[in-house]
């Protein structure tokens, strides 16, 4: 694992266990077992450390979600993550792991919000705001942006799998919540947070379009918000971790209203 990844992994753990106040350069050095000053040499400011951590967290989430997203026919983002554990089916081998700097390059290549077309010719999540997102019913029926057409049951299964993956890693999700709150106070972090977040919202829009949504941009936002609510309730709220049966039933009820 590269030094930048070691630092970011320790920072993610600190955010989850101690919160934003517990994230310091010295604490990262100690947790990662690095010589004093190593984190400062890599990320001199707190803002730089937060950016490094957010980009690594994005890589981890893309890696975890890749099998579900690729199962729907949506092109993989290319995120790769070095891991000591077994690989998930369909994920990229650890030997090709890319540092956070590569994630920054990929994030910088995203189209601006409102662009008429996203990477690879796909309509972006910000296109045709308030309308159908640039997807016609005919496109949705045939599959859009490389995503094959699918029914309600298959879409529910994919979304349930994504939620199970995210709920299974409390550390990663808690760290993301800490960064999301900090982004409300740091415009530079907010810009990065929103930009990398588009890489998760775009598949939701395309999958809903392929399932027949008449307004996939709006429905995509609602689906992401629904999933975020489930995760917050289970991990940081007063709820309990839902079973796959609970998730499937809830998603079926939620999505059937959109796709009727």
Protein backbone atom coordinates (compact mmCIF):
# COMPACT_ATOMS: atom_id res chain seq x y z
CA UNK A 1 0.00 0.00 0.00
CA UNK A 2 1.35 3.43 -0.94
CA UNK A 3 2.16 6.00 1.74
CA UNK A 4 -0.73 8.22 0.63
CA UNK A 5 -3.16 5.31 0.98
CA UNK A 6 -1.78 4.37 4.40
CA UNK A 7 -2.28 7.94 5.61
CA UNK A 8 -5.79 8.18 4.18
CA UNK A 9 -6.83 4.82 5.65
CA UNK A 10 -5.68 5.93 9.10
CA UNK A 11 -7.53 9.23 8.66
CA UNK A 12 -10.75 7.40 7.75
CA UNK A 13 -10.47 5.28 10.90
CA UNK A 14 -9.84 8.35 13.06
CA UNK A 15 -12.86 10.15 11.61
CA UNK A 16 -15.06 7.15 12.35
CA UNK A 17 -13.73 6.57 15.87
CA UNK A 18 -12.97 10.09 17.14
CA UNK A 19 -14.78 12.47 14.82
CA UNK A 20 -13.38 15.53 13.08
CA UNK A 21 -11.67 16.84 16.23
CA UNK A 22 -9.70 13.63 16.53
CA UNK A 23 -8.22 13.94 13.06
CA UNK A 24 -4.78 15.50 13.38
CA UNK A 25 -1.55 14.97 11.51
CA UNK A 26 0.09 13.59 14.65
CA UNK A 27 -2.80 11.19 15.32
CA UNK A 28 -2.58 9.86 11.76
CA UNK A 29 1.16 9.26 12.14
CA UNK A 30 0.61 7.38 15.40
CA UNK A 31 -2.26 5.22 14.15
CA UNK A 32 -0.51 4.41 10.87
CA UNK A 33 2.76 3.62 12.63
CA UNK A 34 4.62 6.25 10.62
CA UNK A 35 7.55 8.44 11.73
CA UNK A 36 6.50 11.77 13.20
CA UNK A 37 5.95 14.36 10.48
CA UNK A 38 5.17 11.83 7.73
CA UNK A 39 1.57 12.97 7.30
CA UNK A 40 2.58 16.64 7.29
CA UNK A 41 5.12 15.97 4.56
CA UNK A 42 2.41 14.36 2.43
CA UNK A 43 -0.48 16.72 3.23
CA UNK A 44 0.87 19.91 4.77
CA UNK A 45 -2.45 21.54 5.63
CA UNK A 46 -5.61 20.23 7.22
CA UNK A 47 -7.48 20.98 4.00
CA UNK A 48 -5.02 18.83 2.05
CA UNK A 49 -5.43 15.98 4.54
CA UNK A 50 -9.22 16.16 4.26
CA UNK A 51 -9.02 16.14 0.47
CA UNK A 52 -6.68 13.14 0.48
CA UNK A 53 -9.05 11.31 2.84
CA UNK A 54 -12.16 12.09 0.81
CA UNK A 55 -10.61 10.91 -2.43
CA UNK A 56 -9.46 7.64 -0.84
CA UNK A 57 -12.93 7.15 0.64
CA UNK A 58 -14.43 7.64 -2.81
CA UNK A 59 -12.12 4.98 -4.23
CA UNK A 60 -13.15 2.53 -1.50
CA UNK A 61 -16.85 3.10 -2.13
CA UNK A 62 -16.48 2.80 -5.90
CA UNK A 63 -14.61 -0.47 -5.39
CA UNK A 64 -17.33 -1.79 -3.08
CA UNK A 65 -20.18 -0.78 -5.37
CA UNK A 66 -18.56 -1.90 -8.63
CA UNK A 67 -20.12 -5.39 -8.83
CA UNK A 68 -23.68 -4.07 -8.35
CA UNK A 69 -23.21 -1.20 -10.78
CA UNK A 70 -21.56 -3.36 -13.42
CA UNK A 71 -24.33 -5.96 -13.05
CA UNK A 72 -26.70 -3.33 -14.40
CA UNK A 73 -24.48 -2.82 -17.42
CA UNK A 74 -23.23 0.59 -16.29
CA UNK A 75 -19.55 1.07 -17.22
CA UNK A 76 -17.13 0.79 -14.32
CA UNK A 77 -15.52 4.03 -13.19
CA UNK A 78 -12.06 2.49 -13.23
CA UNK A 79 -11.52 2.95 -9.51
CA UNK A 80 -9.11 0.44 -8.05
CA UNK A 81 -8.23 -0.13 -4.44
CA UNK A 82 -5.44 -2.12 -2.85
CA UNK A 83 -6.79 -4.44 -0.21
CA UNK A 84 -5.45 -7.24 1.94
CA UNK A 85 -8.78 -9.07 1.90
CA UNK A 86 -10.48 -11.10 -0.83
CA UNK A 87 -11.61 -9.22 -3.91
CA UNK A 88 -15.27 -8.75 -4.66
CA UNK A 89 -16.43 -10.38 -7.85
CA UNK A 90 -15.93 -8.09 -10.80
CA UNK A 91 -13.60 -5.69 -8.99
CA UNK A 92 -10.25 -4.63 -10.37
CA UNK A 93 -7.18 -6.52 -9.06
CA UNK A 94 -5.25 -4.83 -6.29
CA UNK A 95 -2.07 -4.81 -8.36
CA UNK A 96 -3.48 -1.94 -10.38
CA UNK A 97 -4.38 0.14 -7.33
CA UNK A 98 -4.27 3.84 -8.02
CA UNK A 99 -3.38 6.55 -5.48
CA UNK A 100 -5.78 9.33 -4.51
CA UNK A 101 -4.06 11.60 -7.04
CA UNK A 102 -5.50 9.42 -9.79
CA UNK A 103 -8.93 9.74 -8.24
CA UNK A 104 -8.51 13.50 -8.33
CA UNK A 105 -7.69 13.34 -12.02
CA UNK A 106 -10.79 11.28 -12.69
CA UNK A 107 -12.94 13.57 -10.57
CA UNK A 108 -11.62 16.58 -12.46
CA UNK A 109 -12.69 14.98 -15.71
CA UNK A 110 -16.36 15.02 -14.79
CA UNK A 111 -18.61 17.36 -16.78
CA UNK A 112 -19.86 20.46 -14.94
CA UNK A 113 -23.35 20.37 -13.48
CA UNK A 114 -25.91 21.13 -16.14
CA UNK A 115 -23.75 19.85 -19.00
CA UNK A 116 -25.80 18.39 -21.80
CA UNK A 117 -23.67 15.29 -22.02
CA UNK A 118 -21.54 13.36 -19.58
CA UNK A 119 -18.48 11.20 -20.01
CA UNK A 120 -18.72 8.64 -22.72
CA UNK A 121 -21.64 10.39 -24.33
CA UNK A 122 -24.00 9.70 -21.42
CA UNK A 123 -26.41 12.48 -20.45
CA UNK A 124 -25.16 13.89 -17.16
CA UNK A 125 -27.09 13.90 -13.90
CA UNK A 126 -27.45 17.66 -14.21
CA UNK A 127 -28.79 17.67 -17.75
CA UNK A 128 -32.30 18.94 -18.46
CA UNK A 129 -32.84 19.87 -14.83
CA UNK A 130 -36.45 19.51 -13.84
CA UNK A 131 -37.27 17.44 -16.90
CA UNK A 132 -36.59 13.91 -18.01
CA UNK A 133 -32.82 14.29 -17.83
CA UNK A 134 -32.49 13.97 -21.61
CA UNK A 135 -33.85 10.41 -21.66
CA UNK A 136 -36.88 9.66 -23.80
CA UNK A 137 -39.30 6.81 -22.96
CA UNK A 138 -38.01 4.97 -26.04
CA UNK A 139 -34.42 5.25 -24.82
CA UNK A 140 -35.45 4.03 -21.39
CA UNK A 141 -37.18 1.01 -22.90
CA UNK A 142 -34.09 0.05 -24.90
CA UNK A 143 -31.49 0.89 -22.27
CA UNK A 144 -29.69 4.21 -21.92
CA UNK A 145 -26.05 5.22 -21.83
CA UNK A 146 -24.81 1.65 -21.97
CA UNK A 147 -27.28 0.48 -19.32
CA UNK A 148 -29.54 -2.31 -20.53
CA UNK A 149 -33.27 -2.11 -19.89
CA UNK A 150 -34.39 -3.82 -16.69
CA UNK A 151 -37.52 -4.45 -14.70
CA UNK A 152 -38.54 -3.30 -11.26
CA UNK A 153 -37.44 -6.51 -9.55
CA UNK A 154 -33.92 -6.38 -10.94
CA UNK A 155 -33.50 -2.71 -10.09
CA UNK A 156 -34.69 -3.37 -6.54
CA UNK A 157 -32.16 -6.19 -6.24
CA UNK A 158 -29.29 -3.99 -7.41
CA UNK A 159 -30.18 -1.15 -5.06
CA UNK A 160 -30.63 -3.52 -2.12
CA UNK A 161 -27.17 -4.94 -2.76
CA UNK A 162 -25.65 -1.46 -2.81
CA UNK A 163 -27.26 -0.65 0.55
CA UNK A 164 -26.12 -3.94 2.07
CA UNK A 165 -22.54 -3.18 1.00
CA UNK A 166 -22.63 0.29 2.51
CA UNK A 167 -24.30 -0.80 5.74
CA UNK A 168 -21.67 -3.52 6.18
CA UNK A 169 -18.86 -0.97 6.60
CA UNK A 170 -19.73 1.33 9.51
CA UNK A 171 -16.24 2.85 9.53
CA UNK A 172 -16.44 4.06 5.95
CA UNK A 173 -19.95 5.44 6.25
CA UNK A 174 -19.29 7.30 9.51
CA UNK A 175 -16.18 8.88 8.01
CA UNK A 176 -18.21 10.05 5.02
CA UNK A 177 -20.76 11.66 7.33
CA UNK A 178 -17.99 13.53 9.12
CA UNK A 179 -16.60 14.78 5.80
CA UNK A 180 -20.06 15.76 4.56
CA UNK A 181 -20.64 17.94 7.62
CA UNK A 182 -17.18 19.48 7.34
CA UNK A 183 -17.86 20.25 3.67
CA UNK A 184 -20.70 22.55 4.76
CA UNK A 185 -18.04 24.74 6.41
CA UNK A 186 -15.25 24.45 3.83
CA UNK A 187 -16.14 25.59 0.29
CA UNK A 188 -13.03 23.94 -1.17
CA UNK A 189 -14.03 20.58 0.32
CA UNK A 190 -17.65 21.10 -0.72
CA UNK A 191 -16.59 21.46 -4.34
CA UNK A 192 -14.66 18.19 -4.23
CA UNK A 193 -17.39 16.38 -2.29
CA UNK A 194 -20.07 17.38 -4.81
CA UNK A 195 -17.88 16.52 -7.78
CA UNK A 196 -17.01 13.02 -6.66
CA UNK A 197 -20.57 12.48 -5.49
CA UNK A 198 -21.74 12.83 -9.09
CA UNK A 199 -19.97 9.54 -9.83
CA UNK A 200 -22.54 7.79 -7.63
CA UNK A 201 -25.58 9.83 -8.66
CA UNK A 202 -25.02 9.34 -12.38
CA UNK A 203 -25.50 5.54 -12.26
CA UNK A 204 -28.73 6.01 -10.26
CA UNK A 205 -30.11 8.31 -12.97
CA UNK A 206 -29.12 5.97 -15.79
CA UNK A 207 -30.48 2.88 -14.04
CA UNK A 208 -33.83 4.55 -13.39
CA UNK A 209 -34.01 5.70 -16.99
CA UNK A 210 -33.33 2.17 -18.17
CA UNK A 211 -36.07 0.90 -15.86
CA UNK A 212 -38.60 3.25 -17.47
CA UNK A 213 -38.64 6.36 -15.28
CA UNK A 214 -40.23 9.34 -17.01
CA UNK A 215 -38.13 11.75 -14.91
CA UNK A 216 -34.88 9.90 -14.08
CA UNK A 217 -32.96 12.97 -12.86
CA UNK A 218 -35.54 13.82 -10.20
CA UNK A 219 -36.16 10.18 -9.38
CA UNK A 220 -32.42 9.55 -9.18
CA UNK A 221 -32.05 12.28 -6.57
CA UNK A 222 -34.97 10.84 -4.62
CA UNK A 223 -33.52 7.32 -4.73
CA UNK A 224 -30.14 8.52 -3.46
CA UNK A 225 -31.90 10.47 -0.68
CA UNK A 226 -33.92 7.38 0.25
CA UNK A 227 -30.77 5.28 0.48
CA UNK A 228 -28.98 7.93 2.53
CA UNK A 229 -31.90 8.01 4.95
CA UNK A 230 -31.82 4.24 5.39
CA UNK A 231 -28.07 4.32 6.08
CA UNK A 232 -28.21 7.25 8.50
CA UNK A 233 -31.06 5.70 10.46
CA UNK A 234 -29.21 2.40 10.78
CA UNK A 235 -25.70 3.73 11.47
CA UNK A 236 -26.09 7.11 13.17
CA UNK A 237 -29.78 7.29 14.03
CA UNK A 238 -32.07 5.34 16.33
CA UNK A 239 -32.91 2.56 13.90
CA UNK A 240 -31.57 -0.95 13.47
CA UNK A 241 -29.70 -2.45 10.55
CA UNK A 242 -32.37 -3.66 8.09
CA UNK A 243 -32.26 -7.16 6.67
CA UNK A 244 -32.06 -7.79 2.94
CA UNK A 245 -35.76 -8.68 3.11
CA UNK A 246 -36.57 -5.34 4.73
CA UNK A 247 -34.54 -3.47 2.13
CA UNK A 248 -36.14 -5.35 -0.73
CA UNK A 249 -39.67 -4.71 0.54
CA UNK A 250 -39.00 -1.01 1.16
CA UNK A 251 -37.32 -0.43 -2.19
CA UNK A 252 -40.11 -2.25 -3.99
CA UNK A 253 -42.69 0.03 -2.43
CA UNK A 254 -40.61 3.13 -3.06
CA UNK A 255 -39.64 2.40 -6.67
CA UNK A 256 -42.97 1.00 -7.78
CA UNK A 257 -44.45 4.46 -7.29
CA UNK A 258 -41.84 6.00 -9.58
CA UNK A 259 -42.06 3.36 -12.29
CA UNK A 260 -45.78 2.64 -12.38
